[in-house]
């Protein structure tokens, strides 16, 4: 018989050891221990309010739960795999400590609504931490933008030089990505901020529980509206993983840019030595391992998102044991994302732009568009101006010149409309400052963007 199991009454055989090993979850769901105890304390108060427990019973249970929590925090709690999961480990220990009254804790509660509540509480806390880490990264990017409004660098499309921009514009562009990420986490938080406790296994409970009272005690803004949906729902976890995945994609893009920029061929930035590693064989190497690992770990978080999507895709209503597989992908994504955000912030804070190298590469052919636009302002249709300047670019390449070295006479060979003022357009800083539309790379506009960023993130 399975009398040592909380559900063992109807079974006539001892649980196979393989089943215990295969089905246990305490090895990973003990991560939920603190929120599980918090949730059990709130449930106890609700049982007291419903007169299911006496004041003395409720106080014994609450005191016992706090003593268990203290041991868990100190690392003195013995987790037992044969007791299956975090919930039953806590409940079994509670009964050991306070006697039979501990068995009353699970009245009007199923592990189905219990774990759904724990998981939401856990994610609420993690989202708050992640939003804080995103803010710290945005702050680092804003500080770098504040330091670099005068540095001109080539902007790229198709990984080919395109037009000159201010380096601050590049930092602020990534800041915008992380703002969107923050908004996604906030949206996820709003949707998951509902308490499932009191839904029971799937149908609600037959005790007069005040679910709204429980929700307030747990810090939820509302309760779930349908007990069947509440115990089956893991949309909130999937949304969370999607937000993690997109944030990691953004971190990966930033990592890729910096890996390229730190290469000898580009030489645009110098990464801090303390955040790089060397080679076991080549003494000359300085490898951007933190950035490479962030880029590599992006696939890991995508895998977490796909894993949970696959678990959910064919489940019938309502709870199924498959949902035990929801936690490890989430725990993994949390650890990976938080570490990556910390690593990237440290990289941004410590990197040093190489201004001379950036600016020597920021001109030349990237100035061509503005020469075409100059002709447009003289009345030439843009497509004709494009052809004229395209021939000028071909000339520069054939002669081994740079655009900045062209004389007015050379410009006039391609169009008599070029005047003395066209020579001003052969300066990257002038070209950048012509992009003065809202959100553009002109210095005045960059200053405005930095001013707004400082107000938002500091």
Protein backbone atom coordinates (compact mmCIF):
# COMPACT_ATOMS: atom_id res chain seq x y z
CA UNK A 1 0.00 0.00 0.00
CA UNK A 2 1.00 3.66 -0.57
CA UNK A 3 0.09 4.81 2.92
CA UNK A 4 3.09 7.11 3.08
CA UNK A 5 1.64 9.14 0.21
CA UNK A 6 -0.90 11.93 0.82
CA UNK A 7 -3.09 10.30 -1.83
CA UNK A 8 -2.32 6.66 -0.93
CA UNK A 9 -5.65 5.61 0.53
CA UNK A 10 -7.12 4.06 -2.61
CA UNK A 11 -3.96 2.23 -3.70
CA UNK A 12 -3.17 -1.39 -2.84
CA UNK A 13 0.48 -1.46 -3.96
CA UNK A 14 3.56 0.43 -2.87
CA UNK A 15 4.64 3.08 -5.36
CA UNK A 16 7.37 1.80 -7.66
CA UNK A 17 10.72 3.46 -6.97
CA UNK A 18 11.00 4.36 -10.63
CA UNK A 19 7.71 6.26 -10.43
CA UNK A 20 8.94 8.18 -7.38
CA UNK A 21 12.11 9.16 -9.21
CA UNK A 22 10.39 9.92 -12.50
CA UNK A 23 7.54 11.99 -11.09
CA UNK A 24 9.27 13.92 -8.28
CA UNK A 25 9.59 17.68 -8.70
CA UNK A 26 11.01 18.78 -5.35
CA UNK A 27 14.52 18.78 -6.83
CA UNK A 28 13.55 21.94 -8.73
CA UNK A 29 10.23 23.25 -7.40
CA UNK A 30 11.76 23.85 -3.96
CA UNK A 31 12.62 27.17 -5.65
CA UNK A 32 9.00 28.05 -4.82
CA UNK A 33 9.33 27.28 -1.10
CA UNK A 34 9.17 30.85 0.16
CA UNK A 35 6.12 31.81 -1.91
CA UNK A 36 4.51 28.45 -1.09
CA UNK A 37 4.72 29.19 2.63
CA UNK A 38 3.50 32.74 2.08
CA UNK A 39 0.55 31.32 0.18
CA UNK A 40 -0.16 28.72 2.91
CA UNK A 41 -0.19 31.42 5.57
CA UNK A 42 -2.74 33.42 3.56
CA UNK A 43 -4.82 30.27 3.04
CA UNK A 44 -4.73 29.60 6.78
CA UNK A 45 -6.06 33.09 7.49
CA UNK A 46 -8.85 32.53 4.99
CA UNK A 47 -9.76 29.21 6.63
CA UNK A 48 -9.90 31.03 9.96
CA UNK A 49 -12.14 33.73 8.49
CA UNK A 50 -14.42 30.99 7.13
CA UNK A 51 -14.46 29.38 10.62
CA UNK A 52 -12.96 26.18 9.24
CA UNK A 53 -10.11 26.63 11.73
CA UNK A 54 -10.14 27.93 15.27
CA UNK A 55 -7.86 30.80 16.22
CA UNK A 56 -5.63 28.41 18.16
CA UNK A 57 -5.35 26.02 15.23
CA UNK A 58 -4.62 28.80 12.77
CA UNK A 59 -1.93 30.28 15.00
CA UNK A 60 -0.23 26.90 15.45
CA UNK A 61 -0.18 26.39 11.67
CA UNK A 62 1.15 29.90 10.99
CA UNK A 63 3.86 29.62 13.66
CA UNK A 64 4.84 26.23 12.30
CA UNK A 65 5.08 27.56 8.76
CA UNK A 66 7.28 30.45 9.85
CA UNK A 67 9.62 28.06 11.67
CA UNK A 68 9.91 25.93 8.51
CA UNK A 69 10.61 29.04 6.43
CA UNK A 70 13.38 30.07 8.80
CA UNK A 71 15.02 26.66 8.44
CA UNK A 72 14.72 26.79 4.65
CA UNK A 73 16.39 30.20 4.53
CA UNK A 74 19.22 28.93 6.75
CA UNK A 75 19.65 25.85 4.56
CA UNK A 76 18.71 23.52 7.39
CA UNK A 77 15.62 21.98 5.79
CA UNK A 78 15.85 18.41 4.53
CA UNK A 79 14.03 18.00 1.21
CA UNK A 80 12.76 14.47 0.64
CA UNK A 81 12.28 13.24 -2.90
CA UNK A 82 9.84 10.51 -1.88
CA UNK A 83 7.45 13.23 -0.60
CA UNK A 84 7.18 14.37 -4.24
CA UNK A 85 7.13 18.15 -4.30
CA UNK A 86 7.69 21.40 -2.40
CA UNK A 87 4.07 21.55 -1.23
CA UNK A 88 3.97 18.11 0.35
CA UNK A 89 7.46 18.46 1.85
CA UNK A 90 6.34 21.59 3.67
CA UNK A 91 3.00 20.09 4.71
CA UNK A 92 4.61 16.82 5.92
CA UNK A 93 7.15 18.74 8.00
CA UNK A 94 4.42 20.98 9.38
CA UNK A 95 2.51 17.95 10.65
CA UNK A 96 5.70 16.54 12.17
CA UNK A 97 6.21 19.76 14.07
CA UNK A 98 2.72 20.66 15.25
CA UNK A 99 0.85 17.36 15.09
CA UNK A 100 -2.45 16.40 13.49
CA UNK A 101 -3.66 19.99 13.19
CA UNK A 102 -1.07 20.41 10.42
CA UNK A 103 -3.20 18.12 8.30
CA UNK A 104 -5.97 20.73 8.32
CA UNK A 105 -3.89 23.18 6.24
CA UNK A 106 -4.87 21.53 2.96
CA UNK A 107 -8.60 21.87 3.64
CA UNK A 108 -10.37 23.54 0.67
CA UNK A 109 -7.20 23.51 -1.40
CA UNK A 110 -5.75 21.36 -4.15
CA UNK A 111 -2.17 21.22 -5.29
CA UNK A 112 -3.62 22.43 -8.60
CA UNK A 113 -4.66 25.86 -7.34
CA UNK A 114 -1.76 25.86 -4.88
CA UNK A 115 0.95 25.55 -7.51
CA UNK A 116 -0.81 27.94 -9.87
CA UNK A 117 -0.80 30.53 -7.07
CA UNK A 118 2.82 29.86 -6.12
CA UNK A 119 3.93 30.17 -9.73
CA UNK A 120 2.20 33.53 -10.17
CA UNK A 121 3.65 34.85 -6.91
CA UNK A 122 7.12 33.71 -7.96
CA UNK A 123 6.85 35.39 -11.37
CA UNK A 124 5.56 38.63 -9.88
CA UNK A 125 8.72 38.83 -7.80
CA UNK A 126 11.00 37.88 -10.68
CA UNK A 127 9.42 40.40 -13.03
CA UNK A 128 10.05 43.18 -10.52
CA UNK A 129 13.71 42.15 -10.32
CA UNK A 130 14.06 41.92 -14.11
CA UNK A 131 12.48 45.35 -14.59
CA UNK A 132 15.03 46.71 -12.11
CA UNK A 133 17.89 45.10 -14.07
CA UNK A 134 16.51 46.49 -17.33
CA UNK A 135 16.40 49.96 -15.78
CA UNK A 136 20.02 49.64 -14.66
CA UNK A 137 21.05 48.66 -18.20
CA UNK A 138 19.12 51.55 -19.72
CA UNK A 139 20.77 53.89 -17.24
CA UNK A 140 24.20 52.65 -18.33
CA UNK A 141 23.29 53.20 -22.00
CA UNK A 142 22.01 56.70 -21.26
CA UNK A 143 25.21 57.55 -19.39
CA UNK A 144 27.28 56.41 -22.37
CA UNK A 145 25.10 58.49 -24.69
CA UNK A 146 25.64 61.48 -22.42
CA UNK A 147 29.42 60.96 -22.73
CA UNK A 148 29.49 60.57 -26.52
CA UNK A 149 27.26 63.14 -28.31
CA UNK A 150 30.28 64.56 -30.17
CA UNK A 151 31.61 61.23 -31.52
CA UNK A 152 30.65 60.44 -35.10
CA UNK A 153 30.48 56.81 -36.22
CA UNK A 154 29.23 55.16 -39.36
CA UNK A 155 25.74 53.78 -39.18
CA UNK A 156 25.28 50.45 -40.99
CA UNK A 157 22.63 48.71 -43.03
CA UNK A 158 23.30 45.22 -44.42
CA UNK A 159 26.54 45.48 -42.37
CA UNK A 160 27.70 48.01 -44.97
CA UNK A 161 28.49 51.62 -44.13
CA UNK A 162 25.38 53.70 -44.68
CA UNK A 163 25.29 57.21 -43.17
CA UNK A 164 27.18 58.97 -40.39
CA UNK A 165 25.44 59.06 -37.01
CA UNK A 166 26.39 60.23 -33.56
CA UNK A 167 27.56 57.39 -31.33
CA UNK A 168 25.08 58.56 -28.70
CA UNK A 169 22.31 57.78 -31.19
CA UNK A 170 23.47 54.16 -31.30
CA UNK A 171 23.41 53.82 -27.50
CA UNK A 172 19.95 55.38 -27.38
CA UNK A 173 18.68 53.01 -30.08
CA UNK A 174 19.41 50.01 -27.87
CA UNK A 175 17.88 51.84 -24.93
CA UNK A 176 14.62 51.98 -26.92
CA UNK A 177 14.71 48.20 -27.32
CA UNK A 178 15.01 47.72 -23.57
CA UNK A 179 12.16 50.15 -22.95
CA UNK A 180 9.94 47.94 -25.11
CA UNK A 181 11.15 44.91 -23.17
CA UNK A 182 10.21 46.60 -19.91
CA UNK A 183 6.75 47.33 -21.26
CA UNK A 184 6.31 43.67 -22.22
CA UNK A 185 7.18 42.52 -18.71
CA UNK A 186 4.79 45.09 -17.23
CA UNK A 187 2.02 43.84 -19.51
CA UNK A 188 2.73 40.25 -18.46
CA UNK A 189 2.69 41.30 -14.81
CA UNK A 190 -0.73 42.91 -15.18
CA UNK A 191 -2.24 39.76 -16.68
CA UNK A 192 -0.76 37.31 -14.17
CA UNK A 193 -1.66 39.47 -11.16
CA UNK A 194 -4.74 37.40 -10.29
CA UNK A 195 -5.07 34.83 -7.50
CA UNK A 196 -6.21 31.28 -8.40
CA UNK A 197 -6.30 30.19 -4.75
CA UNK A 198 -9.73 28.89 -3.82
CA UNK A 199 -10.35 27.30 -7.21
CA UNK A 200 -9.57 23.85 -5.83
CA UNK A 201 -8.66 21.08 -8.22
CA UNK A 202 -10.80 22.55 -11.01
CA UNK A 203 -14.38 23.22 -9.88
CA UNK A 204 -14.06 25.59 -6.93
CA UNK A 205 -14.44 24.46 -3.28
CA UNK A 206 -17.35 23.63 -1.02
CA UNK A 207 -16.21 25.76 1.91
CA UNK A 208 -17.20 29.45 2.33
CA UNK A 209 -13.80 30.85 1.37
CA UNK A 210 -13.45 34.57 0.67
CA UNK A 211 -11.14 34.46 -2.34
CA UNK A 212 -10.92 38.23 -2.49
CA UNK A 213 -9.67 38.31 1.09
CA UNK A 214 -7.02 35.71 0.20
CA UNK A 215 -5.96 37.68 -2.87
CA UNK A 216 -5.50 40.86 -0.84
CA UNK A 217 -3.38 39.01 1.73
CA UNK A 218 -1.15 37.71 -1.06
CA UNK A 219 -0.81 41.09 -2.78
CA UNK A 220 -2.84 40.20 -5.87
CA UNK A 221 -4.93 42.94 -7.45
CA UNK A 222 -7.80 40.57 -8.31
CA UNK A 223 -8.89 36.92 -8.44
CA UNK A 224 -9.20 34.61 -11.42
CA UNK A 225 -12.77 34.48 -12.74
CA UNK A 226 -13.16 30.83 -13.74
CA UNK A 227 -11.89 27.95 -11.61
CA UNK A 228 -11.52 25.57 -14.56
CA UNK A 229 -9.44 28.04 -16.52
CA UNK A 230 -7.41 29.08 -13.50
CA UNK A 231 -5.99 25.65 -12.72
CA UNK A 232 -5.25 24.86 -16.38
CA UNK A 233 -3.78 28.25 -17.29
CA UNK A 234 -0.08 28.72 -17.95
CA UNK A 235 -0.45 31.55 -20.45
CA UNK A 236 1.17 33.85 -17.93
CA UNK A 237 4.31 31.67 -17.86
CA UNK A 238 4.37 31.48 -21.65
CA UNK A 239 4.03 35.25 -21.92
CA UNK A 240 6.83 35.64 -19.41
CA UNK A 241 9.09 33.35 -21.44
CA UNK A 242 8.23 35.26 -24.60
CA UNK A 243 9.22 38.52 -22.91
CA UNK A 244 12.47 36.85 -21.76
CA UNK A 245 13.09 35.55 -25.26
CA UNK A 246 12.67 38.95 -26.94
CA UNK A 247 14.87 40.63 -24.32
CA UNK A 248 17.57 38.02 -24.93
CA UNK A 249 17.28 38.64 -28.69
CA UNK A 250 17.96 42.32 -28.05
CA UNK A 251 20.88 41.51 -25.78
CA UNK A 252 22.22 39.19 -28.47
CA UNK A 253 22.05 41.92 -31.12
CA UNK A 254 23.88 44.32 -28.84
CA UNK A 255 26.44 41.64 -28.05
CA UNK A 256 26.98 40.97 -31.75
CA UNK A 257 27.56 44.65 -32.51
CA UNK A 258 30.08 44.95 -29.69
CA UNK A 259 31.87 41.73 -30.65
CA UNK A 260 32.31 43.09 -34.17
CA UNK A 261 33.25 46.57 -32.98
CA UNK A 262 35.86 45.15 -30.57
CA UNK A 263 37.59 43.17 -33.34
CA UNK A 264 40.92 44.43 -34.63
CA UNK A 265 39.41 44.93 -38.07
CA UNK A 266 36.87 47.42 -36.71
CA UNK A 267 38.64 48.63 -33.59
CA UNK A 268 35.73 50.85 -32.56
CA UNK A 269 35.63 49.96 -28.87
CA UNK A 270 37.89 48.58 -26.19
CA UNK A 271 36.18 46.15 -23.81
CA UNK A 272 37.22 46.12 -20.13
CA UNK A 273 39.94 43.54 -19.43
CA UNK A 274 38.14 42.28 -16.33
CA UNK A 275 35.17 41.20 -18.46
CA UNK A 276 37.21 39.39 -21.12
CA UNK A 277 39.31 36.22 -21.15
CA UNK A 278 42.45 35.01 -22.88
CA UNK A 279 43.54 31.97 -24.85
CA UNK A 280 45.22 28.89 -23.39
CA UNK A 281 47.58 28.80 -26.37
CA UNK A 282 47.71 32.28 -27.96
CA UNK A 283 49.15 34.98 -25.66
CA UNK A 284 47.85 37.78 -27.86
CA UNK A 285 44.15 36.97 -27.47
CA UNK A 286 41.53 39.07 -25.67
CA UNK A 287 38.25 37.27 -26.12
CA UNK A 288 34.80 38.85 -25.53
CA UNK A 289 33.53 35.73 -23.77
CA UNK A 290 30.79 37.45 -21.75
CA UNK A 291 29.28 38.88 -24.93
CA UNK A 292 29.64 35.58 -26.77
CA UNK A 293 27.92 33.70 -23.96
CA UNK A 294 25.06 36.21 -23.90
CA UNK A 295 24.70 35.65 -27.63
CA UNK A 296 24.85 31.86 -27.15
CA UNK A 297 22.47 31.75 -24.20
CA UNK A 298 19.81 33.45 -26.33
CA UNK A 299 19.14 30.09 -27.97
CA UNK A 300 18.73 28.54 -24.56
CA UNK A 301 15.91 30.94 -23.60
CA UNK A 302 14.25 30.47 -26.97
CA UNK A 303 14.38 26.74 -26.22
CA UNK A 304 12.67 27.36 -22.88
CA UNK A 305 9.87 29.21 -24.66
CA UNK A 306 9.47 26.46 -27.26
CA UNK A 307 9.55 23.77 -24.56
CA UNK A 308 6.61 25.25 -22.65
CA UNK A 309 4.71 25.98 -25.86
CA UNK A 310 5.03 22.31 -26.76
CA UNK A 311 3.87 21.17 -23.32
CA UNK A 312 0.73 23.32 -23.57
CA UNK A 313 -0.24 22.80 -27.18
CA UNK A 314 -2.33 19.63 -26.81
CA UNK A 315 -3.52 19.59 -23.22
CA UNK A 316 -7.19 18.89 -22.55
CA UNK A 317 -8.95 20.95 -19.90
CA UNK A 318 -8.08 21.26 -17.01
CA UNK A 319 -4.98 20.35 -14.98
CA UNK A 320 -2.67 17.61 -16.32
CA UNK A 321 0.60 16.34 -14.85
CA UNK A 322 2.34 17.58 -17.99
CA UNK A 323 2.19 21.00 -16.32
CA UNK A 324 4.91 19.87 -13.92
CA UNK A 325 7.18 20.58 -16.90
CA UNK A 326 6.35 24.30 -16.78
CA UNK A 327 8.78 25.28 -14.05
CA UNK A 328 12.24 24.21 -15.18
CA UNK A 329 12.10 26.23 -18.42
CA UNK A 330 10.95 29.28 -16.46
CA UNK A 331 13.57 28.87 -13.74
CA UNK A 332 16.25 28.45 -16.39
CA UNK A 333 15.11 31.52 -18.33
CA UNK A 334 15.06 33.61 -15.15
CA UNK A 335 18.64 32.67 -14.24
CA UNK A 336 19.88 33.14 -17.79
CA UNK A 337 18.21 36.48 -18.41
CA UNK A 338 19.17 38.01 -15.08
CA UNK A 339 22.80 36.98 -15.52
CA UNK A 340 22.85 38.31 -19.08
CA UNK A 341 21.39 41.67 -18.06
CA UNK A 342 23.97 42.06 -15.31
CA UNK A 343 26.80 41.08 -17.66
CA UNK A 344 25.71 43.50 -20.38
CA UNK A 345 25.36 46.37 -17.94
CA UNK A 346 28.92 45.79 -16.74
CA UNK A 347 30.16 45.69 -20.35
CA UNK A 348 28.41 48.95 -21.27
CA UNK A 349 29.67 50.72 -18.16
CA UNK A 350 33.26 49.64 -18.82
CA UNK A 351 33.65 49.89 -22.61
CA UNK A 352 35.71 52.70 -24.11
CA UNK A 353 34.91 54.06 -27.58
CA UNK A 354 37.92 54.66 -29.86
CA UNK A 355 36.91 58.02 -31.26
CA UNK A 356 39.71 58.46 -33.78
CA UNK A 357 39.08 55.07 -35.37
CA UNK A 358 35.32 55.61 -35.47
CA UNK A 359 35.54 59.03 -37.05
CA UNK A 360 38.08 58.10 -39.70
CA UNK A 361 35.59 55.48 -40.90
CA UNK A 362 32.51 57.65 -40.60
CA UNK A 363 32.92 59.72 -43.75
CA UNK A 364 33.90 58.99 -47.36
CA UNK A 365 31.11 57.21 -49.24
CA UNK A 366 28.60 57.65 -46.39
CA UNK A 367 28.38 61.32 -47.45
CA UNK A 368 26.95 60.48 -50.88
CA UNK A 369 23.27 60.71 -49.94
CA UNK A 370 23.63 64.28 -48.80
CA UNK A 371 25.28 65.30 -52.06
CA UNK A 372 22.29 63.79 -53.89
CA UNK A 373 19.91 65.66 -51.60
CA UNK A 374 21.86 68.87 -52.29
CA UNK A 375 21.07 68.50 -55.99
CA UNK A 376 17.42 67.77 -55.16
CA UNK A 377 17.29 71.08 -53.30
CA UNK A 378 18.57 72.70 -56.50
CA UNK A 379 15.59 71.27 -58.40
CA UNK A 380 17.00 68.00 -59.73
CA UNK A 381 14.60 65.03 -59.45
CA UNK A 382 15.89 62.61 -56.82
CA UNK A 383 16.35 59.71 -59.25
CA UNK A 384 18.51 61.89 -61.51
CA UNK A 385 20.47 63.16 -58.52
CA UNK A 386 20.98 59.55 -57.41
CA UNK A 387 22.48 58.70 -60.84
CA UNK A 388 24.78 61.73 -60.81
CA UNK A 389 26.17 61.02 -57.35
CA UNK A 390 26.43 57.31 -58.16
CA UNK A 391 28.82 58.22 -60.98
CA UNK A 392 30.70 60.46 -58.57
CA UNK A 393 31.07 57.53 -56.16
CA UNK A 394 32.42 55.37 -59.01
CA UNK A 395 34.93 58.11 -59.80
CA UNK A 396 36.10 58.28 -56.17
CA UNK A 397 36.58 54.52 -56.04
CA UNK A 398 38.50 54.44 -59.33
CA UNK A 399 40.82 57.24 -58.25
CA UNK A 400 41.42 55.81 -54.78
CA UNK A 401 40.19 59.03 -53.23
CA UNK A 402 37.94 59.86 -50.30
CA UNK A 403 34.85 62.01 -50.72
CA UNK A 404 36.29 64.49 -48.23
CA UNK A 405 39.24 65.10 -50.61
CA UNK A 406 37.11 66.19 -53.57
CA UNK A 407 37.53 69.72 -54.83
CA UNK A 408 34.73 71.95 -56.06
CA UNK A 409 36.07 71.57 -59.60
CA UNK A 410 35.74 67.80 -59.37
CA UNK A 411 32.19 68.09 -58.10
CA UNK A 412 31.29 70.41 -60.99
CA UNK A 413 32.48 67.81 -63.48
CA UNK A 414 29.41 65.82 -62.47
CA UNK A 415 26.95 68.71 -62.07
CA UNK A 416 27.32 72.41 -62.59
CA UNK A 417 24.79 72.91 -59.78
CA UNK A 418 27.36 72.06 -57.13
CA UNK A 419 28.45 75.26 -55.38
CA UNK A 420 30.93 76.20 -52.67
CA UNK A 421 28.39 75.28 -49.99
CA UNK A 422 28.39 71.67 -51.22
CA UNK A 423 31.87 71.26 -49.74
CA UNK A 424 30.33 71.56 -46.28
CA UNK A 425 28.55 68.28 -46.95
CA UNK A 426 31.90 66.53 -47.05
CA UNK A 427 32.12 66.76 -43.25
CA UNK A 428 30.49 63.85 -41.37
CA UNK A 429 29.47 66.01 -38.40
CA UNK A 430 27.66 68.44 -40.71
CA UNK A 431 25.89 65.57 -42.45
CA UNK A 432 24.81 64.07 -39.11
CA UNK A 433 23.42 67.40 -37.95
CA UNK A 434 21.26 67.69 -41.05
CA UNK A 435 19.17 64.79 -39.68
CA UNK A 436 17.26 67.04 -37.33
CA UNK A 437 13.82 65.45 -37.61
CA UNK A 438 12.28 64.11 -34.39
CA UNK A 439 14.24 61.03 -33.36
CA UNK A 440 17.11 61.78 -35.74
CA UNK A 441 20.85 61.90 -35.17
CA UNK A 442 21.44 65.69 -35.19
CA UNK A 443 23.27 66.81 -32.06
CA UNK A 444 20.41 69.06 -30.96
CA UNK A 445 17.96 66.18 -31.30
CA UNK A 446 20.32 63.78 -29.51
CA UNK A 447 20.55 66.21 -26.60
CA UNK A 448 16.76 66.29 -26.40
CA UNK A 449 16.60 62.47 -26.41
CA UNK A 450 19.25 62.24 -23.68
CA UNK A 451 17.34 64.80 -21.60
CA UNK A 452 14.19 62.71 -21.81
CA UNK A 453 16.11 59.53 -21.00
CA UNK A 454 17.62 61.10 -17.91
CA UNK A 455 14.16 62.02 -16.65
CA UNK A 456 12.76 58.56 -17.34
CA UNK A 457 15.51 56.34 -15.95
CA UNK A 458 17.17 58.23 -13.10
